[in-house]
Amino acid sequence: MNDDTISRQAAIDALVKRTHLTWEYLKTIYPMLDVLEKLPAAEPEIIRCKDCKHRDVEKGFCEGRGWPMQLVPDDGFCDKGERRTDGR
């Protein structure tokens, strides 16, 4: 998930986390909670090794996993993937 993606539960928790829940506030948030619970889950973006900024493009090695000189396939991916922005 990127920084702009929040979990459904985090959104619900943010709505109901108040010290004074007035009737007017509850009437407002209950319809929102219903909508939030029905939204589909966001799919995390998968960055393939060929597009990752941690991959040494010329040699094909991954520099982001903490294992030096690990050869990675173009279609591989991992949880450390970040999109390269230099256009290579």
N, C-alpha and C. Protein backbone atom coordinates (compact mmCIF):
# COMPACT_ATOMS: atom_id res chain seq x y z
N MET A 1 0.84 -1.18 0.00
CA MET A 1 0.00 0.00 0.00
C MET A 1 0.88 1.25 0.00
N ASN A 2 0.41 2.28 -0.72
CA ASN A 2 1.18 3.52 -0.67
C ASN A 2 0.68 4.40 0.46
N ASP A 3 1.33 5.57 0.63
CA ASP A 3 0.99 6.45 1.76
C ASP A 3 -0.43 7.00 1.69
N ASP A 4 -1.06 7.01 0.52
CA ASP A 4 -2.40 7.54 0.38
C ASP A 4 -3.48 6.51 0.65
N THR A 5 -3.11 5.28 0.88
CA THR A 5 -4.07 4.21 1.10
C THR A 5 -4.22 3.95 2.59
N ILE A 6 -5.45 3.95 3.07
CA ILE A 6 -5.70 3.62 4.47
C ILE A 6 -6.59 2.39 4.53
N SER A 7 -6.52 1.71 5.63
CA SER A 7 -7.35 0.52 5.77
C SER A 7 -8.79 0.94 6.09
N ARG A 8 -9.71 0.08 5.75
CA ARG A 8 -11.11 0.33 6.05
C ARG A 8 -11.30 0.51 7.55
N GLN A 9 -10.65 -0.36 8.34
CA GLN A 9 -10.80 -0.28 9.79
C GLN A 9 -10.22 1.03 10.34
N ALA A 10 -9.13 1.53 9.77
CA ALA A 10 -8.56 2.80 10.23
C ALA A 10 -9.53 3.95 9.98
N ALA A 11 -10.24 3.91 8.86
CA ALA A 11 -11.22 4.96 8.57
C ALA A 11 -12.39 4.90 9.54
N ILE A 12 -12.86 3.69 9.82
CA ILE A 12 -13.96 3.52 10.77
C ILE A 12 -13.53 3.98 12.16
N ASP A 13 -12.33 3.57 12.58
CA ASP A 13 -11.83 3.96 13.90
C ASP A 13 -11.71 5.48 14.02
N ALA A 14 -11.28 6.13 12.95
CA ALA A 14 -11.14 7.59 12.98
C ALA A 14 -12.50 8.27 13.15
N LEU A 15 -13.54 7.70 12.56
CA LEU A 15 -14.88 8.29 12.69
C LEU A 15 -15.47 8.12 14.08
N VAL A 16 -15.22 6.99 14.70
CA VAL A 16 -15.85 6.73 16.00
C VAL A 16 -14.97 7.08 17.19
N LYS A 17 -13.75 7.52 16.96
CA LYS A 17 -12.84 7.86 18.05
C LYS A 17 -13.09 9.30 18.50
N ARG A 18 -14.08 9.46 19.35
CA ARG A 18 -14.42 10.77 19.92
C ARG A 18 -14.80 10.57 21.37
N THR A 19 -14.53 11.58 22.16
CA THR A 19 -14.88 11.45 23.58
C THR A 19 -16.35 11.75 23.82
N HIS A 20 -16.93 12.66 23.04
CA HIS A 20 -18.34 13.00 23.20
C HIS A 20 -19.09 12.65 21.92
N LEU A 21 -19.78 11.54 21.95
CA LEU A 21 -20.56 11.12 20.79
C LEU A 21 -21.98 11.63 20.97
N THR A 22 -22.28 12.74 20.34
CA THR A 22 -23.63 13.30 20.43
C THR A 22 -24.56 12.58 19.47
N TRP A 23 -25.84 12.69 19.72
CA TRP A 23 -26.82 12.07 18.84
C TRP A 23 -26.70 12.60 17.42
N GLU A 24 -26.49 13.91 17.28
CA GLU A 24 -26.34 14.52 15.94
C GLU A 24 -25.13 13.93 15.21
N TYR A 25 -24.03 13.76 15.93
CA TYR A 25 -22.83 13.19 15.32
C TYR A 25 -23.08 11.73 14.91
N LEU A 26 -23.70 10.96 15.79
CA LEU A 26 -23.99 9.56 15.48
C LEU A 26 -24.91 9.43 14.27
N LYS A 27 -25.92 10.28 14.18
CA LYS A 27 -26.82 10.25 13.00
C LYS A 27 -26.04 10.53 11.73
N THR A 28 -24.98 11.32 11.83
CA THR A 28 -24.17 11.65 10.65
C THR A 28 -23.23 10.52 10.27
N ILE A 29 -22.59 9.91 11.27
CA ILE A 29 -21.56 8.91 10.92
C ILE A 29 -22.10 7.52 10.63
N TYR A 30 -23.26 7.15 11.16
CA TYR A 30 -23.76 5.80 10.90
C TYR A 30 -23.94 5.50 9.41
N PRO A 31 -24.51 6.41 8.63
CA PRO A 31 -24.58 6.13 7.19
C PRO A 31 -23.18 6.01 6.55
N MET A 32 -22.23 6.81 7.03
CA MET A 32 -20.87 6.73 6.49
C MET A 32 -20.23 5.39 6.83
N LEU A 33 -20.46 4.89 8.04
CA LEU A 33 -19.91 3.60 8.43
C LEU A 33 -20.47 2.49 7.55
N ASP A 34 -21.75 2.57 7.24
CA ASP A 34 -22.38 1.58 6.37
C ASP A 34 -21.73 1.58 4.98
N VAL A 35 -21.47 2.78 4.46
CA VAL A 35 -20.83 2.90 3.14
C VAL A 35 -19.40 2.36 3.20
N LEU A 36 -18.65 2.73 4.24
CA LEU A 36 -17.27 2.26 4.38
C LEU A 36 -17.18 0.74 4.43
N GLU A 37 -18.09 0.12 5.15
CA GLU A 37 -18.06 -1.34 5.29
C GLU A 37 -18.36 -2.05 3.97
N LYS A 38 -19.03 -1.37 3.05
CA LYS A 38 -19.38 -1.99 1.76
C LYS A 38 -18.36 -1.70 0.66
N LEU A 39 -17.40 -0.80 0.91
CA LEU A 39 -16.41 -0.48 -0.12
C LEU A 39 -15.49 -1.67 -0.35
N PRO A 40 -15.08 -1.90 -1.60
CA PRO A 40 -14.13 -2.99 -1.85
C PRO A 40 -12.76 -2.63 -1.29
N ALA A 41 -12.01 -3.63 -0.91
CA ALA A 41 -10.67 -3.41 -0.37
C ALA A 41 -9.74 -2.91 -1.48
N ALA A 42 -8.82 -2.03 -1.11
CA ALA A 42 -7.85 -1.51 -2.07
C ALA A 42 -6.80 -2.58 -2.34
N GLU A 43 -6.42 -2.69 -3.58
CA GLU A 43 -5.36 -3.61 -3.97
C GLU A 43 -4.02 -2.89 -3.86
N PRO A 44 -3.05 -3.46 -3.16
CA PRO A 44 -1.74 -2.80 -3.10
C PRO A 44 -1.06 -2.82 -4.46
N GLU A 45 -0.31 -1.78 -4.77
CA GLU A 45 0.41 -1.73 -6.03
C GLU A 45 1.62 -2.64 -5.93
N ILE A 46 1.81 -3.48 -6.94
CA ILE A 46 2.98 -4.36 -6.98
C ILE A 46 3.99 -3.77 -7.95
N ILE A 47 5.20 -3.57 -7.45
CA ILE A 47 6.29 -3.05 -8.28
C ILE A 47 7.15 -4.23 -8.69
N ARG A 48 7.25 -4.49 -9.98
CA ARG A 48 8.10 -5.58 -10.49
C ARG A 48 9.56 -5.16 -10.41
N CYS A 49 10.44 -6.14 -10.25
CA CYS A 49 11.88 -5.85 -10.12
C CYS A 49 12.40 -5.00 -11.28
N LYS A 50 11.91 -5.23 -12.49
CA LYS A 50 12.40 -4.46 -13.64
C LYS A 50 12.10 -2.98 -13.51
N ASP A 51 11.11 -2.59 -12.70
CA ASP A 51 10.72 -1.19 -12.52
C ASP A 51 11.12 -0.62 -11.16
N CYS A 52 11.85 -1.40 -10.36
CA CYS A 52 12.15 -1.01 -8.98
C CYS A 52 13.43 -0.18 -8.90
N LYS A 53 13.40 0.84 -8.04
CA LYS A 53 14.56 1.71 -7.90
C LYS A 53 15.72 1.02 -7.17
N HIS A 54 15.48 -0.10 -6.51
CA HIS A 54 16.53 -0.81 -5.78
C HIS A 54 17.31 -1.77 -6.67
N ARG A 55 16.90 -1.94 -7.90
CA ARG A 55 17.55 -2.89 -8.80
C ARG A 55 18.63 -2.18 -9.59
N ASP A 56 19.81 -2.78 -9.62
CA ASP A 56 20.89 -2.29 -10.46
C ASP A 56 20.53 -2.71 -11.89
N VAL A 57 20.12 -1.75 -12.68
CA VAL A 57 19.57 -2.03 -14.01
C VAL A 57 20.58 -2.73 -14.90
N GLU A 58 21.83 -2.32 -14.86
CA GLU A 58 22.86 -2.89 -15.74
C GLU A 58 23.23 -4.32 -15.37
N LYS A 59 23.28 -4.62 -14.08
CA LYS A 59 23.73 -5.93 -13.64
C LYS A 59 22.59 -6.86 -13.23
N GLY A 60 21.39 -6.30 -12.95
CA GLY A 60 20.25 -7.12 -12.57
C GLY A 60 20.22 -7.52 -11.12
N PHE A 61 21.05 -6.88 -10.28
CA PHE A 61 21.09 -7.20 -8.86
C PHE A 61 20.16 -6.30 -8.06
N CYS A 62 19.59 -6.86 -6.99
CA CYS A 62 18.74 -6.10 -6.09
C CYS A 62 19.60 -5.54 -4.96
N GLU A 63 19.48 -4.25 -4.73
CA GLU A 63 20.24 -3.60 -3.66
C GLU A 63 19.34 -3.22 -2.49
N GLY A 64 18.08 -3.55 -2.53
CA GLY A 64 17.14 -3.12 -1.50
C GLY A 64 16.76 -4.17 -0.49
N ARG A 65 17.15 -5.41 -0.68
CA ARG A 65 16.72 -6.49 0.21
C ARG A 65 17.69 -6.74 1.36
N GLY A 66 18.86 -6.10 1.35
CA GLY A 66 19.82 -6.33 2.41
C GLY A 66 20.76 -7.49 2.14
N TRP A 67 20.58 -8.17 1.01
CA TRP A 67 21.48 -9.26 0.62
C TRP A 67 22.29 -8.76 -0.56
N PRO A 68 23.59 -8.59 -0.39
CA PRO A 68 24.39 -8.06 -1.50
C PRO A 68 24.43 -9.02 -2.68
N MET A 69 24.38 -8.44 -3.84
CA MET A 69 24.56 -9.19 -5.09
C MET A 69 23.50 -10.27 -5.32
N GLN A 70 22.26 -10.01 -4.97
CA GLN A 70 21.20 -10.98 -5.22
C GLN A 70 20.61 -10.70 -6.59
N LEU A 71 20.77 -11.65 -7.50
CA LEU A 71 20.24 -11.52 -8.85
C LEU A 71 18.72 -11.71 -8.80
N VAL A 72 17.97 -10.79 -9.45
CA VAL A 72 16.51 -10.88 -9.41
C VAL A 72 15.96 -10.89 -10.84
N PRO A 73 14.88 -11.65 -11.07
CA PRO A 73 14.27 -11.68 -12.40
C PRO A 73 13.46 -10.41 -12.67
N ASP A 74 13.28 -10.10 -13.94
CA ASP A 74 12.49 -8.91 -14.32
C ASP A 74 11.09 -8.93 -13.73
N ASP A 75 10.45 -10.11 -13.72
CA ASP A 75 9.06 -10.18 -13.26
C ASP A 75 8.94 -10.50 -11.77
N GLY A 76 10.06 -10.51 -11.04
CA GLY A 76 10.01 -10.74 -9.60
C GLY A 76 9.46 -9.51 -8.88
N PHE A 77 9.12 -9.67 -7.62
CA PHE A 77 8.67 -8.54 -6.81
C PHE A 77 8.85 -8.90 -5.34
N CYS A 78 8.81 -7.89 -4.48
CA CYS A 78 8.95 -8.12 -3.04
C CYS A 78 8.24 -6.99 -2.29
N ASP A 79 8.28 -7.06 -0.97
CA ASP A 79 7.62 -6.05 -0.15
C ASP A 79 8.43 -4.75 -0.04
N LYS A 80 9.64 -4.71 -0.56
CA LYS A 80 10.48 -3.51 -0.50
C LYS A 80 10.44 -2.72 -1.80
N GLY A 81 9.67 -3.16 -2.77
CA GLY A 81 9.64 -2.54 -4.09
C GLY A 81 9.18 -1.09 -4.08
N GLU A 82 9.95 -0.24 -4.75
CA GLU A 82 9.59 1.16 -4.93
C GLU A 82 9.84 1.53 -6.39
N ARG A 83 8.86 2.19 -6.99
CA ARG A 83 8.95 2.50 -8.42
C ARG A 83 10.11 3.45 -8.70
N ARG A 84 10.88 3.09 -9.71
CA ARG A 84 11.98 3.92 -10.17
C ARG A 84 11.41 5.12 -10.92
N THR A 85 11.95 6.28 -10.69
CA THR A 85 11.41 7.49 -11.33
C THR A 85 12.37 8.10 -12.34
N ASP A 86 13.51 7.43 -12.61
CA ASP A 86 14.49 8.00 -13.53
C ASP A 86 14.24 7.63 -14.99
N GLY A 87 13.18 6.87 -15.26
CA GLY A 87 12.81 6.54 -16.63
C GLY A 87 13.56 5.39 -17.25
N ARG A 88 14.43 4.70 -16.48
CA ARG A 88 15.17 3.55 -17.05
C ARG A 88 14.32 2.32 -17.05
